[in-house]
Amino acid sequence: MTTSVDDLTCREFVELVTDYLEEALEPAERRRFDEHLVDCLGCTAYLAQMRETIRLTGRLREEDVDGEAMAPLLNAFRYWKQARSRPPTASLLEPDL
């Protein structure tokens, strides 16, 4: 398989899945996304899992989340990108002290 600068990586694919599912990708990004799906069985499976998760859970509203769970979830998402680039020093699910 030949790769080019325009090829989408699996990491980029994962970052774009939400926009793809919401039909919010620009045409050029949509093309790169679709082309990646043709050759990557892992990302094809990941997309299928995301679609199934959405189908099974439906829409989760803020008021559906238990109050005690809200702070740890917000904390985990707040530091999500940082956690990908370096190991966390504390559990992401523990509330800030």
Protein backbone atom coordinates (compact mmCIF):
# COMPACT_ATOMS: atom_id res chain seq x y z
CA MET A 1 0.00 0.00 0.00
CA THR A 2 1.33 3.42 -0.93
CA THR A 3 0.86 6.24 1.53
CA SER A 4 0.74 9.93 0.79
CA VAL A 5 0.56 13.15 2.74
CA ASP A 6 -3.22 13.15 2.22
CA ASP A 7 -3.67 9.72 3.86
CA LEU A 8 -5.58 9.84 7.11
CA THR A 9 -3.95 8.13 10.09
CA CYS A 10 -5.96 5.94 12.45
CA ARG A 11 -5.46 8.53 15.20
CA GLU A 12 -6.89 11.28 12.98
CA PHE A 13 -9.74 8.95 12.03
CA VAL A 14 -10.71 8.46 15.69
CA GLU A 15 -10.60 12.22 16.29
CA LEU A 16 -12.95 12.82 13.32
CA VAL A 17 -15.53 10.10 14.02
CA THR A 18 -17.96 12.38 15.86
CA ASP A 19 -17.90 14.99 13.10
CA TYR A 20 -18.35 12.20 10.54
CA LEU A 21 -21.37 10.78 12.33
CA GLU A 22 -22.85 14.27 12.67
CA GLU A 23 -22.19 14.90 8.95
CA ALA A 24 -20.05 17.91 9.87
CA LEU A 25 -16.87 17.08 7.93
CA GLU A 26 -15.71 19.34 5.13
CA PRO A 27 -15.83 17.56 1.72
CA ALA A 28 -12.04 17.06 1.56
CA GLU A 29 -11.92 15.58 5.08
CA ARG A 30 -14.94 13.38 4.29
CA ARG A 31 -13.10 12.05 1.22
CA ARG A 32 -9.99 11.24 3.30
CA PHE A 33 -12.18 9.60 5.97
CA ASP A 34 -14.02 7.43 3.42
CA GLU A 35 -10.77 6.45 1.69
CA HIS A 36 -9.28 5.37 5.01
CA LEU A 37 -12.29 3.13 5.65
CA VAL A 38 -11.63 1.23 2.42
CA ASP A 39 -8.23 -0.03 3.60
CA CYS A 40 -8.44 -0.12 7.40
CA LEU A 41 -10.42 -2.96 8.96
CA GLY A 42 -9.64 -1.69 12.48
CA CYS A 43 -11.18 1.72 11.85
CA THR A 44 -14.11 0.15 10.02
CA ALA A 45 -14.78 -1.95 13.14
CA TYR A 46 -14.32 1.12 15.37
CA LEU A 47 -16.89 3.09 13.35
CA ALA A 48 -19.33 0.16 13.55
CA GLN A 49 -18.84 0.02 17.33
CA MET A 50 -19.50 3.75 17.65
CA ARG A 51 -22.68 3.45 15.59
CA GLU A 52 -23.84 0.51 17.73
CA THR A 53 -23.08 2.40 20.94
CA ILE A 54 -25.15 5.34 19.72
CA ARG A 55 -27.97 3.03 18.68
CA LEU A 56 -28.01 1.26 22.05
CA THR A 57 -27.69 4.31 24.27
CA GLY A 58 -29.77 6.77 22.35
CA ARG A 59 -29.29 10.33 23.45
CA LEU A 60 -27.95 11.01 26.89
CA ARG A 61 -29.03 14.32 28.32
CA GLU A 62 -27.18 16.20 31.05
CA GLU A 63 -30.07 15.68 33.46
CA ASP A 64 -29.78 11.91 32.92
CA VAL A 65 -26.32 11.85 34.51
CA ASP A 66 -26.23 11.26 38.27
CA GLY A 67 -25.01 14.34 40.14
CA GLU A 68 -22.22 12.41 41.87
CA ALA A 69 -20.95 11.14 38.52
CA MET A 70 -20.93 14.55 36.81
CA ALA A 71 -17.75 16.03 38.36
CA PRO A 72 -15.57 12.96 37.76
CA LEU A 73 -16.80 12.71 34.16
CA LEU A 74 -16.15 16.38 33.47
CA ASN A 75 -12.71 16.04 35.04
CA ALA A 76 -11.90 13.01 32.88
CA PHE A 77 -12.91 14.77 29.68
CA ARG A 78 -11.14 17.98 30.67
CA TYR A 79 -7.81 16.16 30.85
CA TRP A 80 -8.45 13.66 28.04
CA LYS A 81 -6.05 15.22 25.54
CA GLN A 82 -3.36 15.68 28.15
CA ALA A 83 -3.65 12.04 29.17
CA ARG A 84 -3.05 10.91 25.59
CA SER A 85 0.27 12.75 25.43
CA ARG A 86 1.70 11.74 28.84
CA PRO A 87 0.87 9.37 31.69
CA PRO A 88 -1.41 10.94 34.31
CA THR A 89 -0.06 11.48 37.80
CA ALA A 90 -3.43 10.74 39.39
CA SER A 91 -6.54 8.89 38.36
CA LEU A 92 -8.56 10.92 35.89
CA LEU A 93 -11.76 9.75 37.51
CA GLU A 94 -10.88 11.10 40.95
CA PRO A 95 -12.33 14.55 41.68
CA ASP A 96 -9.91 17.42 42.12
CA LEU A 97 -8.91 17.92 45.75
